[in-house]
């Protein structure tokens, strides 16, 4: 449960309900731990199902509904886009791209899935929407999507980052995005790219794992002036994997074709100290 002045977000990903690798006992434990944590928000970053079938979505709906978090964002992954699964997703969970507003924190959820493909894409038709929603410089800005925005170590040959990752990174940088939450490859990881933190989640309740990774989920605590990312394996104590100061709000001032950049290419648009 968050303290006064802090926001706690649980990021759970890759449930794979209906898969032979899904572990019901782990799923039950994750539900119990999330309920005990009582976070301010729950973000599910995709792959609720294994094949996108309706009965799998119903299993996922039941599982997620047991996590008693008032502010919940659920996003589809590539497995959910199989077999016209987006139809069932929209019926049971609502819009595939959405938004969640918390005190001082805005989370934009993007559907990066493509029908029957493992690869992902956000698409330039949504760039303007991101920029408009992130127009308030004093908010802590988070984007959540399923596919990797950056390659993740220990995942083999990288071929599933979002196709338009470069353009999306530019949009997020221009918009002063603070954090990106991803899932997909079942390997937890944290990258820091300039002032933006990219947090990948593992699989919460599946033993479809790579190397020596174990089932896990993430806990993000946002408290002035710091942000902390904690890795949580079910049944085990939490492990802090990132703890950093929130930087001054910044915005990239240069775009290709826009002429000279404001020196040195970045302008501050808010207050804040390291």
Protein backbone atom coordinates (compact mmCIF):
# COMPACT_ATOMS: atom_id res chain seq x y z
CA UNK A 1 0.00 0.00 0.00
CA UNK A 2 1.39 3.40 -0.96
CA UNK A 3 2.32 6.03 1.59
CA UNK A 4 1.14 9.61 1.42
CA UNK A 5 2.86 11.40 -1.43
CA UNK A 6 3.80 8.25 -3.35
CA UNK A 7 2.21 6.26 -6.17
CA UNK A 8 2.69 2.47 -6.37
CA UNK A 9 2.10 0.60 -9.63
CA UNK A 10 2.13 -3.18 -10.04
CA UNK A 11 3.16 -4.29 -13.54
CA UNK A 12 2.06 -7.84 -14.32
CA UNK A 13 2.64 -9.37 -17.75
CA UNK A 14 2.40 -12.47 -19.93
CA UNK A 15 -0.20 -14.53 -18.05
CA UNK A 16 -0.69 -16.93 -21.00
CA UNK A 17 -3.99 -18.30 -19.73
CA UNK A 18 -4.83 -21.53 -21.56
CA UNK A 19 -1.20 -22.43 -22.25
CA UNK A 20 0.31 -25.72 -21.12
CA UNK A 21 2.99 -23.56 -19.46
CA UNK A 22 0.53 -21.52 -17.36
CA UNK A 23 0.89 -22.34 -13.64
CA UNK A 24 -2.40 -21.80 -11.73
CA UNK A 25 -0.69 -21.94 -8.32
CA UNK A 26 1.66 -19.11 -9.34
CA UNK A 27 -1.27 -17.12 -10.71
CA UNK A 28 -3.10 -17.48 -7.39
CA UNK A 29 0.00 -16.38 -5.50
CA UNK A 30 0.41 -13.29 -7.71
CA UNK A 31 -3.23 -12.39 -7.07
CA UNK A 32 -2.72 -12.71 -3.30
CA UNK A 33 0.51 -10.68 -3.35
CA UNK A 34 -0.98 -7.89 -5.46
CA UNK A 35 -4.00 -7.68 -3.18
CA UNK A 36 -1.71 -7.53 -0.14
CA UNK A 37 0.37 -4.81 -1.81
CA UNK A 38 -2.80 -2.80 -2.57
CA UNK A 39 -1.15 -0.67 -5.28
CA UNK A 40 -2.62 2.54 -6.63
CA UNK A 41 -2.71 1.01 -10.11
CA UNK A 42 -2.31 -2.33 -11.86
CA UNK A 43 -0.92 -2.44 -15.42
CA UNK A 44 -1.14 -5.70 -17.39
CA UNK A 45 1.24 -5.45 -20.36
CA UNK A 46 -0.20 -8.08 -22.67
CA UNK A 47 -0.31 -11.77 -23.56
CA UNK A 48 -3.27 -12.52 -21.35
CA UNK A 49 -3.91 -15.63 -23.45
CA UNK A 50 -1.97 -18.20 -25.44
CA UNK A 51 -3.94 -18.40 -28.69
CA UNK A 52 -6.47 -15.59 -28.43
CA UNK A 53 -9.44 -17.92 -27.96
CA UNK A 54 -12.54 -16.69 -26.14
CA UNK A 55 -12.32 -19.25 -23.33
CA UNK A 56 -8.73 -18.15 -22.66
CA UNK A 57 -9.83 -14.51 -22.44
CA UNK A 58 -12.55 -15.54 -19.99
CA UNK A 59 -9.93 -17.26 -17.83
CA UNK A 60 -7.79 -14.11 -17.94
CA UNK A 61 -10.78 -11.92 -17.10
CA UNK A 62 -11.52 -14.04 -14.04
CA UNK A 63 -7.88 -13.98 -12.93
CA UNK A 64 -7.46 -10.22 -13.33
CA UNK A 65 -10.80 -9.47 -11.64
CA UNK A 66 -9.51 -11.25 -8.53
CA UNK A 67 -6.79 -8.61 -8.23
CA UNK A 68 -8.77 -5.98 -6.37
CA UNK A 69 -7.19 -2.82 -7.74
CA UNK A 70 -9.50 0.04 -8.62
CA UNK A 71 -7.24 1.56 -11.29
CA UNK A 72 -6.47 -1.26 -13.72
CA UNK A 73 -5.09 -1.00 -17.27
CA UNK A 74 -5.15 -4.11 -19.46
CA UNK A 75 -3.33 -4.19 -22.81
CA UNK A 76 -3.22 -6.88 -25.52
CA UNK A 77 -0.10 -8.71 -26.67
CA UNK A 78 0.82 -10.63 -29.79
CA UNK A 79 -0.72 -13.87 -28.46
CA UNK A 80 -3.98 -12.03 -27.80
CA UNK A 81 -4.08 -10.86 -31.44
CA UNK A 82 -4.17 -14.41 -32.76
CA UNK A 83 -7.37 -15.88 -34.19
CA UNK A 84 -9.18 -12.50 -34.21
CA UNK A 85 -8.64 -12.33 -30.46
CA UNK A 86 -8.92 -8.54 -30.51
CA UNK A 87 -12.69 -9.01 -30.84
CA UNK A 88 -12.85 -10.90 -27.54
CA UNK A 89 -10.40 -8.51 -25.89
CA UNK A 90 -12.55 -5.47 -26.71
CA UNK A 91 -15.71 -7.22 -25.53
CA UNK A 92 -14.24 -8.27 -22.17
CA UNK A 93 -11.69 -5.52 -21.43
CA UNK A 94 -12.63 -2.51 -23.56
CA UNK A 95 -10.44 -0.32 -25.75
CA UNK A 96 -7.06 -1.73 -26.85
CA UNK A 97 -5.36 1.64 -26.30
CA UNK A 98 -6.32 3.57 -23.21
CA UNK A 99 -5.26 6.03 -20.52
CA UNK A 100 -5.05 6.08 -16.74
CA UNK A 101 -4.70 9.26 -14.68
CA UNK A 102 -3.39 9.16 -11.11
CA UNK A 103 -2.37 12.08 -8.85
CA UNK A 104 0.65 13.55 -10.62
CA UNK A 105 1.02 10.50 -12.90
CA UNK A 106 -0.38 9.84 -16.37
CA UNK A 107 -0.19 6.36 -17.96
CA UNK A 108 -0.88 5.89 -21.67
CA UNK A 109 -1.51 2.30 -22.76
CA UNK A 110 -0.77 1.47 -26.41
CA UNK A 111 -1.82 -1.59 -28.36
CA UNK A 112 1.34 -2.68 -30.18
CA UNK A 113 -0.06 -5.98 -31.49
CA UNK A 114 -0.68 -6.93 -35.12
CA UNK A 115 -3.16 -9.66 -36.14
CA UNK A 116 -1.50 -13.10 -36.20
CA UNK A 117 2.02 -11.64 -36.05
CA UNK A 118 4.60 -11.85 -33.27
CA UNK A 119 6.06 -8.48 -34.27
CA UNK A 120 4.63 -5.18 -33.05
CA UNK A 121 3.91 -1.65 -34.20
CA UNK A 122 2.48 1.50 -32.63
CA UNK A 123 1.94 3.56 -35.78
CA UNK A 124 2.36 7.23 -36.60
CA UNK A 125 -1.40 7.78 -36.46
CA UNK A 126 -1.08 7.65 -32.67
CA UNK A 127 1.97 9.88 -32.28
CA UNK A 128 -0.04 13.11 -32.12
CA UNK A 129 -2.34 11.62 -29.49
CA UNK A 130 0.68 10.76 -27.32
CA UNK A 131 2.05 14.28 -27.68
CA UNK A 132 -1.31 15.82 -26.78
CA UNK A 133 -1.84 13.63 -23.72
CA UNK A 134 1.70 14.34 -22.48
CA UNK A 135 1.45 18.11 -22.86
CA UNK A 136 1.52 18.74 -19.08
CA UNK A 137 5.21 18.99 -18.06
CA UNK A 138 4.71 18.50 -14.32
CA UNK A 139 3.18 15.03 -14.58
CA UNK A 140 5.20 11.83 -14.34
CA UNK A 141 4.58 10.33 -17.79
CA UNK A 142 4.42 6.60 -18.43
CA UNK A 143 3.79 4.68 -21.65
CA UNK A 144 2.81 1.00 -21.42
CA UNK A 145 2.84 -1.46 -24.32
CA UNK A 146 3.49 -5.14 -24.87
CA UNK A 147 6.43 -5.28 -27.28
CA UNK A 148 10.00 -4.31 -26.46
CA UNK A 149 10.93 -0.73 -27.18
CA UNK A 150 14.62 -1.65 -26.79
CA UNK A 151 16.37 -5.03 -27.14
CA UNK A 152 16.62 -6.99 -23.88
CA UNK A 153 19.70 -9.04 -22.87
CA UNK A 154 19.26 -12.80 -22.66
CA UNK A 155 16.44 -13.02 -25.20
CA UNK A 156 18.35 -14.39 -28.20
CA UNK A 157 18.20 -12.75 -31.60
CA UNK A 158 16.15 -9.57 -31.32
CA UNK A 159 13.39 -9.40 -33.91
CA UNK A 160 10.34 -8.32 -31.94
CA UNK A 161 10.97 -4.72 -30.91
CA UNK A 162 8.24 -2.48 -32.27
CA UNK A 163 8.87 -1.81 -35.97
CA UNK A 164 8.63 1.95 -35.51
CA UNK A 165 10.76 2.03 -32.35
CA UNK A 166 12.98 4.86 -33.62
CA UNK A 167 10.12 7.19 -34.44
CA UNK A 168 8.31 6.27 -31.23
CA UNK A 169 11.45 6.99 -29.18
CA UNK A 170 11.64 10.43 -30.78
CA UNK A 171 7.98 11.11 -29.94
CA UNK A 172 8.46 10.00 -26.33
CA UNK A 173 11.63 12.05 -25.96
CA UNK A 174 9.94 15.12 -27.41
CA UNK A 175 7.03 14.61 -25.03
CA UNK A 176 9.18 14.28 -21.90
CA UNK A 177 8.19 10.66 -21.24
CA UNK A 178 9.69 9.43 -17.96
CA UNK A 179 9.08 5.67 -18.12
CA UNK A 180 8.08 2.91 -20.55
CA UNK A 181 6.61 -0.41 -19.36
CA UNK A 182 6.92 -3.45 -21.67
CA UNK A 183 6.50 -7.23 -21.54
CA UNK A 184 6.72 -9.88 -24.29
CA UNK A 185 9.99 -11.85 -23.98
CA UNK A 186 9.54 -13.07 -20.36
CA UNK A 187 12.84 -11.52 -19.23
CA UNK A 188 12.81 -8.68 -16.67
CA UNK A 189 15.18 -5.81 -17.39
CA UNK A 190 15.68 -2.09 -16.78
CA UNK A 191 17.34 0.27 -19.27
CA UNK A 192 18.05 3.95 -18.72
CA UNK A 193 18.02 5.89 -21.99
CA UNK A 194 19.00 9.48 -21.20
CA UNK A 195 16.27 10.54 -18.72
CA UNK A 196 13.77 7.82 -19.69
CA UNK A 197 13.56 4.47 -17.90
CA UNK A 198 12.45 1.42 -19.90
CA UNK A 199 11.19 -1.36 -17.63
CA UNK A 200 10.53 -4.85 -18.99
CA UNK A 201 8.49 -7.39 -17.06
CA UNK A 202 8.95 -11.14 -17.01
CA UNK A 203 6.10 -13.62 -17.14
CA UNK A 204 4.09 -13.60 -13.93
CA UNK A 205 2.73 -17.14 -13.89
CA UNK A 206 4.26 -19.26 -16.64
CA UNK A 207 7.27 -21.56 -16.78
CA UNK A 208 7.94 -20.67 -20.40
CA UNK A 209 11.21 -19.10 -19.29
CA UNK A 210 14.61 -18.30 -20.78
CA UNK A 211 17.84 -19.46 -19.19
CA UNK A 212 17.73 -19.10 -15.42
CA UNK A 213 14.99 -16.48 -15.26
CA UNK A 214 12.02 -17.14 -13.00
CA UNK A 215 8.42 -16.02 -13.00
CA UNK A 216 8.15 -12.43 -11.78
CA UNK A 217 6.36 -9.12 -11.89
CA UNK A 218 7.41 -5.52 -11.19
CA UNK A 219 6.51 -2.94 -8.57
CA UNK A 220 7.13 0.72 -9.42
CA UNK A 221 7.09 3.32 -6.65
CA UNK A 222 7.02 6.99 -7.65
CA UNK A 223 7.84 9.37 -4.83
CA UNK A 224 9.35 12.83 -5.03
CA UNK A 225 12.21 13.06 -5.71
CA UNK A 226 12.89 9.37 -6.48
CA UNK A 227 11.55 6.43 -8.47
CA UNK A 228 12.16 2.82 -7.43
CA UNK A 229 11.66 -0.37 -9.46
CA UNK A 230 11.35 -3.64 -7.53
CA UNK A 231 11.45 -7.14 -9.02
CA UNK A 232 9.12 -9.57 -7.26
CA UNK A 233 9.26 -13.34 -7.65
CA UNK A 234 6.12 -15.02 -6.26
CA UNK A 235 6.70 -16.47 -2.77
CA UNK A 236 10.04 -14.63 -2.42
CA UNK A 237 11.20 -11.31 -0.91
CA UNK A 238 11.26 -8.26 -3.21
CA UNK A 239 14.51 -7.19 -4.90
CA UNK A 240 15.19 -3.54 -5.72
CA UNK A 241 16.62 -3.40 -9.25
CA UNK A 242 16.58 0.37 -9.90
CA UNK A 243 16.48 3.43 -7.64
CA UNK A 244 17.06 6.83 -9.21
CA UNK A 245 16.34 10.53 -8.87
CA UNK A 246 13.65 12.08 -11.01
CA UNK A 247 15.32 14.48 -13.44
CA UNK A 248 14.19 17.97 -14.31
CA UNK A 249 11.40 17.89 -16.87
CA UNK A 250 13.00 18.16 -20.28
CA UNK A 251 11.88 18.28 -23.86
CA UNK A 252 13.88 17.69 -27.00
CA UNK A 253 13.80 20.87 -29.04
CA UNK A 254 15.10 19.55 -32.36
CA UNK A 255 13.26 17.63 -35.05
CA UNK A 256 14.55 16.70 -38.52
CA UNK A 257 13.71 19.48 -40.95
CA UNK A 258 12.98 22.01 -38.22
CA UNK A 259 16.20 23.99 -38.63
CA UNK A 260 18.71 24.71 -35.90
CA UNK A 261 18.27 23.15 -32.49
CA UNK A 262 18.21 25.25 -29.37
CA UNK A 263 21.68 24.74 -27.91
CA UNK A 264 22.60 22.20 -26.73
CA UNK A 265 19.54 20.52 -28.25
CA UNK A 266 17.54 20.17 -25.05
CA UNK A 267 15.51 22.79 -23.23
CA UNK A 268 14.16 22.54 -19.71
CA UNK A 269 10.46 23.14 -19.23
CA UNK A 270 10.09 22.53 -15.53
CA UNK A 271 11.80 22.63 -12.14
CA UNK A 272 13.59 19.79 -10.47
CA UNK A 273 16.95 18.80 -9.01
CA UNK A 274 18.92 15.59 -9.10
